[in-house]
C-alpha atoms as a PDB file:
ATOM      1  CA  UNK A   1      27.373  -6.451   4.119  1.00  0.00           C
ATOM      2  CA  UNK A   2      25.273  -3.288   4.255  1.00  0.00           C
ATOM      3  CA  UNK A   3      21.481  -3.024   4.767  1.00  0.00           C
ATOM      4  CA  UNK A   4      20.729  -2.570   1.073  1.00  0.00           C
ATOM      5  CA  UNK A   5      22.594  -5.864   0.194  1.00  0.00           C
ATOM      6  CA  UNK A   6      20.699  -7.639   2.951  1.00  0.00           C
ATOM      7  CA  UNK A   7      17.436  -6.418   1.368  1.00  0.00           C
ATOM      8  CA  UNK A   8      18.524  -7.362  -2.149  1.00  0.00           C
ATOM      9  CA  UNK A   9      19.503 -10.839  -0.893  1.00  0.00           C
ATOM     10  CA  UNK A  10      16.285 -11.496   0.911  1.00  0.00           C
ATOM     11  CA  UNK A  11      14.308 -10.727  -2.432  1.00  0.00           C
ATOM     12  CA  UNK A  12      16.631 -12.932  -4.508  1.00  0.00           C
ATOM     13  CA  UNK A  13      15.660 -15.880  -2.426  1.00  0.00           C
ATOM     14  CA  UNK A  14      11.904 -15.425  -2.847  1.00  0.00           C
ATOM     15  CA  UNK A  15       9.876 -17.139  -5.381  1.00  0.00           C
ATOM     16  CA  UNK A  16       7.882 -14.896  -7.932  1.00  0.00           C
ATOM     17  CA  UNK A  17       4.674 -15.993  -6.244  1.00  0.00           C
ATOM     18  CA  UNK A  18       5.935 -14.793  -2.813  1.00  0.00           C
ATOM     19  CA  UNK A  19       7.056 -11.482  -4.237  1.00  0.00           C
ATOM     20  CA  UNK A  20       3.640 -11.032  -5.817  1.00  0.00           C
ATOM     21  CA  UNK A  21       1.961 -11.853  -2.529  1.00  0.00           C
ATOM     22  CA  UNK A  22       4.205  -9.475  -0.669  1.00  0.00           C
ATOM     23  CA  UNK A  23       3.594  -6.686  -3.134  1.00  0.00           C
ATOM     24  CA  UNK A  24      -0.184  -7.263  -2.928  1.00  0.00           C
ATOM     25  CA  UNK A  25      -0.040  -7.212   0.943  1.00  0.00           C
ATOM     26  CA  UNK A  26       1.793  -3.891   0.755  1.00  0.00           C
ATOM     27  CA  UNK A  27      -0.638  -2.417  -1.648  1.00  0.00           C
ATOM     28  CA  UNK A  28      -3.690  -3.309   0.506  1.00  0.00           C
ATOM     29  CA  UNK A  29      -2.031  -2.151   3.661  1.00  0.00           C
ATOM     30  CA  UNK A  30      -1.319   1.206   2.080  1.00  0.00           C
ATOM     31  CA  UNK A  31      -4.943   1.577   1.002  1.00  0.00           C
ATOM     32  CA  UNK A  32      -6.133   0.695   4.537  1.00  0.00           C
ATOM     33  CA  UNK A  33      -3.799   3.349   5.933  1.00  0.00           C
ATOM     34  CA  UNK A  34      -4.878   6.013   3.452  1.00  0.00           C
ATOM     35  CA  UNK A  35      -8.483   5.219   4.338  1.00  0.00           C
ATOM     36  CA  UNK A  36      -7.858   5.674   7.997  1.00  0.00           C
ATOM     37  CA  UNK A  37      -6.058   8.881   7.281  1.00  0.00           C
ATOM     38  CA  UNK A  38      -8.885  10.232   5.278  1.00  0.00           C
ATOM     39  CA  UNK A  39     -11.425   9.226   7.968  1.00  0.00           C
ATOM     40  CA  UNK A  40      -9.417  11.151  10.565  1.00  0.00           C
ATOM     41  CA  UNK A  41      -9.162  14.227   8.353  1.00  0.00           C
ATOM     42  CA  UNK A  42     -12.850  14.088   7.208  1.00  0.00           C
ATOM     43  CA  UNK A  43     -15.012  12.480   9.975  1.00  0.00           C
ATOM     44  CA  UNK A  44     -18.053  13.852   8.217  1.00  0.00           C
ATOM     45  CA  UNK A  45     -17.551  11.834   5.096  1.00  0.00           C
ATOM     46  CA  UNK A  46     -19.548   8.584   4.789  1.00  0.00           C
ATOM     47  CA  UNK A  47     -17.749   5.337   3.906  1.00  0.00           C
ATOM     48  CA  UNK A  48     -18.691   5.465   0.244  1.00  0.00           C
ATOM     49  CA  UNK A  49     -17.210   8.935  -0.118  1.00  0.00           C
ATOM     50  CA  UNK A  50     -13.983   7.724   1.550  1.00  0.00           C
ATOM     51  CA  UNK A  51     -13.656   4.676  -0.578  1.00  0.00           C
ATOM     52  CA  UNK A  52     -14.152   6.716  -3.616  1.00  0.00           C
ATOM     53  CA  UNK A  53     -11.486   9.252  -2.545  1.00  0.00           C
ATOM     54  CA  UNK A  54      -9.050   6.262  -1.800  1.00  0.00           C
ATOM     55  CA  UNK A  55      -9.796   4.860  -5.211  1.00  0.00           C
ATOM     56  CA  UNK A  56      -8.985   8.140  -6.943  1.00  0.00           C
ATOM     57  CA  UNK A  57      -5.824   8.785  -4.955  1.00  0.00           C
ATOM     58  CA  UNK A  58      -4.493   5.352  -5.854  1.00  0.00           C
ATOM     59  CA  UNK A  59      -5.738   5.560  -9.440  1.00  0.00           C
ATOM     60  CA  UNK A  60      -3.921   8.689 -10.200  1.00  0.00           C
ATOM     61  CA  UNK A  61      -0.871   8.404  -7.892  1.00  0.00           C
ATOM     62  CA  UNK A  62       2.607   9.038  -9.334  1.00  0.00           C
ATOM     63  CA  UNK A  63       5.941   8.022  -8.196  1.00  0.00           C
END
């Protein structure tokens, strides 16, 4: 069994609620990482400016 099949089987065994919780955790973790990245690149920005930038990035993100 390859790695992709292992991942698929792991998700098949999850309840919809668990999948939703996992996706929300991933989303908020990504936002926290993006916020930390912006703080590192723009130390002069205040917290409100950083949060606005993160919000805009996630609002207009494309995959």
